[in-house]
Amino acid sequence: MESGFSEVLNLQEDYRRLQGQRYSFHNLFLMVLMGTACGYGGCRPLGNFVASRKEILQSMLDLPHGVPSYGTFHNFFKGLAHEALIRGFNLWASQFVDMEEKEVLNGDGKALRSRVIAGSNSGQNFSQVVSLFCKRSGLVVALGGYQNKKESEIEVMKTLLQWVKGKGVIFSLDALDCQKKP
């Protein structure tokens, strides 16, 4: 199934109330993608990104209320359904990499630094992203995410590996993900 990223966005449900909405879900997401692609990660940097490109964004995206502030991006991220976004990304990304026999995939998890809660005590919790990366194409072919209080990287990696089961690929994983048990 070939789809554009707009179809992935359509899988996302707009959780926001209609009252007081100044920006469409699609436009906010597009500004996040543009800012992130230009190296602006986080709510404040995204706010700076759109403010510095106000004129072009207003003309390109039809933004009658101006560009959003960092607070708008903060609220947008807070309510985003991450699981649906990851499913949509995996569906979209799968069309760009044809898995060949003996394809090399690297798997790893990375903690999201800005999402650490109680980092210095036993109540520590953080968000983590786990990805499968295709060495030949240089593309991420599958993503997974979790909170370390609820799941482990191993469980998420097993789920991602099911996605490529039976395709004859070779995995390169760090020691955390390698176990003797099936």
Protein backbone atom coordinates (compact mmCIF):
# COMPACT_ATOMS: atom_id res chain seq x y z
CA MET A 1 0.00 0.00 0.00
CA GLU A 2 1.53 3.28 -1.06
CA SER A 3 0.58 6.30 0.97
CA GLY A 4 1.79 9.80 1.61
CA PHE A 5 2.44 11.23 5.01
CA SER A 6 -0.91 13.04 4.83
CA GLU A 7 -2.62 9.65 5.13
CA VAL A 8 -0.54 8.99 8.25
CA LEU A 9 -1.78 12.25 9.70
CA ASN A 10 -5.35 11.22 8.92
CA LEU A 11 -4.82 8.20 11.20
CA GLN A 12 -4.26 10.66 14.05
CA GLU A 13 -7.38 11.78 15.81
CA ASP A 14 -7.48 15.49 16.60
CA TYR A 15 -8.00 15.38 20.36
CA ARG A 16 -8.45 19.15 20.72
CA ARG A 17 -11.75 20.91 21.39
CA LEU A 18 -13.05 22.95 18.47
CA GLN A 19 -13.58 25.98 20.69
CA GLY A 20 -10.61 28.33 20.44
CA GLN A 21 -8.70 26.30 17.85
CA ARG A 22 -6.46 28.62 15.86
CA TYR A 23 -4.38 26.08 13.93
CA SER A 24 -5.37 22.93 12.11
CA PHE A 25 -3.89 19.67 13.33
CA HIS A 26 -2.34 19.13 9.91
CA ASN A 27 -0.64 22.56 9.89
CA LEU A 28 0.75 22.13 13.40
CA PHE A 29 2.14 18.74 12.49
CA LEU A 30 3.64 20.12 9.28
CA MET A 31 5.37 22.93 11.20
CA VAL A 32 6.75 20.37 13.67
CA LEU A 33 8.13 18.26 10.82
CA MET A 34 9.70 21.26 9.08
CA GLY A 35 11.25 22.57 12.29
CA THR A 36 12.56 19.16 13.32
CA ALA A 37 14.05 18.57 9.88
CA CYS A 38 15.89 21.89 10.26
CA GLY A 39 17.29 20.90 13.66
CA TYR A 40 14.79 22.62 15.96
CA GLY A 41 13.85 20.00 18.57
CA GLY A 42 11.62 20.91 21.50
CA CYS A 43 8.76 23.32 22.05
CA ARG A 44 10.72 26.54 22.55
CA PRO A 45 13.04 25.94 19.57
CA LEU A 46 9.99 25.15 17.41
CA GLY A 47 8.38 28.38 18.57
CA ASN A 48 11.56 30.24 17.57
CA PHE A 49 11.64 28.42 14.23
CA VAL A 50 8.10 29.42 13.23
CA ALA A 51 8.53 32.98 14.56
CA SER A 52 11.63 33.49 12.42
CA ARG A 53 9.77 32.23 9.33
CA LYS A 54 6.45 33.87 10.07
CA GLU A 55 5.83 35.49 6.67
CA ILE A 56 6.55 32.43 4.55
CA LEU A 57 4.60 30.08 6.84
CA GLN A 58 1.58 32.41 6.92
CA SER A 59 1.46 32.59 3.14
CA MET A 60 2.16 28.89 2.62
CA LEU A 61 -0.18 27.45 5.27
CA ASP A 62 -2.90 30.12 5.47
CA LEU A 63 -2.41 31.09 9.14
CA PRO A 64 -4.74 34.06 9.76
CA HIS A 65 -3.85 34.18 13.50
CA GLY A 66 -0.09 34.30 12.94
CA VAL A 67 2.25 31.47 13.87
CA PRO A 68 1.86 29.35 17.01
CA SER A 69 3.87 29.97 20.17
CA TYR A 70 5.94 27.40 22.01
CA GLY A 71 3.01 26.90 24.40
CA THR A 72 0.85 25.75 21.50
CA PHE A 73 3.49 23.18 20.55
CA HIS A 74 3.73 22.07 24.19
CA ASN A 75 -0.02 21.45 24.38
CA PHE A 76 0.03 19.78 20.97
CA PHE A 77 2.71 17.28 22.03
CA LYS A 78 1.10 16.67 25.41
CA GLY A 79 -2.13 15.43 23.87
CA LEU A 80 -0.68 13.59 20.87
CA ALA A 81 -1.56 9.87 20.62
CA HIS A 82 1.97 8.52 20.31
CA GLU A 83 0.95 4.92 19.62
CA ALA A 84 -1.19 5.90 16.63
CA LEU A 85 1.58 8.13 15.34
CA ILE A 86 4.13 5.31 15.59
CA ARG A 87 1.77 2.87 13.84
CA GLY A 88 1.22 5.41 11.08
CA PHE A 89 4.96 6.06 10.72
CA ASN A 90 5.71 2.33 10.48
CA LEU A 91 3.04 1.91 7.80
CA TRP A 92 4.36 4.90 5.86
CA ALA A 93 8.08 4.01 6.22
CA SER A 94 7.57 0.37 5.18
CA GLN A 95 6.88 1.43 1.58
CA PHE A 96 10.36 2.92 1.15
CA VAL A 97 12.49 -0.11 2.02
CA ASP A 98 12.21 -3.37 0.12
CA MET A 99 13.53 -6.02 2.45
CA GLU A 100 15.98 -8.25 0.65
CA GLU A 101 17.30 -11.62 1.76
CA LYS A 102 20.12 -11.05 4.29
CA GLU A 103 19.24 -7.37 4.72
CA VAL A 104 21.10 -5.93 7.74
CA LEU A 105 18.91 -4.17 10.31
CA ASN A 106 20.29 -2.44 13.39
CA GLY A 107 18.07 -2.15 16.44
CA ASP A 108 18.54 0.15 19.39
CA GLY A 109 16.67 2.18 21.96
CA LYS A 110 17.31 5.76 22.99
CA ALA A 111 15.95 7.62 25.99
CA LEU A 112 14.35 10.97 25.30
CA ARG A 113 16.30 13.33 27.54
CA SER A 114 13.53 15.89 27.87
CA ARG A 115 11.06 13.25 29.09
CA VAL A 116 12.88 12.10 32.28
CA ILE A 117 10.80 12.30 35.44
CA ALA A 118 12.46 12.03 38.90
CA GLY A 119 15.80 11.23 37.27
CA SER A 120 17.84 11.01 40.46
CA ASN A 121 15.72 8.69 42.62
CA SER A 122 14.00 5.30 42.56
CA GLY A 123 10.82 6.80 41.08
CA GLN A 124 12.64 7.47 37.83
CA ASN A 125 10.56 7.23 34.68
CA PHE A 126 11.41 8.20 31.12
CA SER A 127 10.19 7.82 27.57
CA GLN A 128 12.25 5.83 25.14
CA VAL A 129 12.16 5.25 21.39
CA VAL A 130 13.26 1.93 19.89
CA SER A 131 14.04 1.76 16.19
CA LEU A 132 15.04 -0.67 13.45
CA PHE A 133 17.44 0.95 11.01
CA CYS A 134 18.20 -0.46 7.55
CA LYS A 135 21.93 -0.19 6.93
CA ARG A 136 21.72 -0.38 3.12
CA SER A 137 19.10 2.33 2.63
CA GLY A 138 20.02 4.46 5.65
CA LEU A 139 16.35 4.64 6.69
CA VAL A 140 14.49 3.83 9.88
CA VAL A 141 12.03 1.11 8.89
CA ALA A 142 10.15 0.67 12.18
CA LEU A 143 9.69 2.53 15.47
CA GLY A 144 8.37 1.63 18.87
CA GLY A 145 8.07 3.61 22.08
CA TYR A 146 7.50 3.01 25.76
CA GLN A 147 7.70 4.34 29.32
CA ASN A 148 10.31 2.43 31.34
CA LYS A 149 7.90 2.11 34.31
CA LYS A 150 5.46 0.10 32.18
CA GLU A 151 7.54 -1.85 29.64
CA SER A 152 11.10 -2.68 28.74
CA GLU A 153 13.18 -2.17 25.62
CA ILE A 154 13.30 -5.95 25.18
CA GLU A 155 9.50 -6.24 24.89
CA VAL A 156 9.30 -3.41 22.36
CA MET A 157 12.19 -4.84 20.33
CA LYS A 158 10.45 -8.24 20.21
CA THR A 159 7.36 -6.52 18.81
CA LEU A 160 9.42 -4.74 16.15
CA LEU A 161 11.18 -7.97 15.21
CA GLN A 162 7.77 -9.59 14.58
CA TRP A 163 7.27 -6.97 11.88
CA VAL A 164 10.17 -8.45 9.83
CA LYS A 165 9.73 -12.08 10.87
CA GLY A 166 10.23 -14.52 8.00
CA LYS A 167 11.92 -11.99 5.70
CA GLY A 168 15.41 -13.48 6.10
CA VAL A 169 17.01 -10.36 7.56
CA ILE A 170 20.11 -10.14 9.75
CA PHE A 171 19.85 -8.24 13.05
CA SER A 172 22.49 -6.27 14.87
CA LEU A 173 21.27 -5.52 18.39
CA ASP A 174 22.97 -4.36 21.55
CA ALA A 175 23.49 -6.80 24.42
CA LEU A 176 20.35 -5.66 26.22
CA ASP A 177 18.14 -7.03 23.44
CA CYS A 178 19.97 -10.35 22.96
CA GLN A 179 18.57 -13.24 24.99
CA LYS A 180 18.67 -17.01 24.77
CA LYS A 181 14.96 -17.34 25.59
CA PRO A 182 12.61 -17.18 22.57
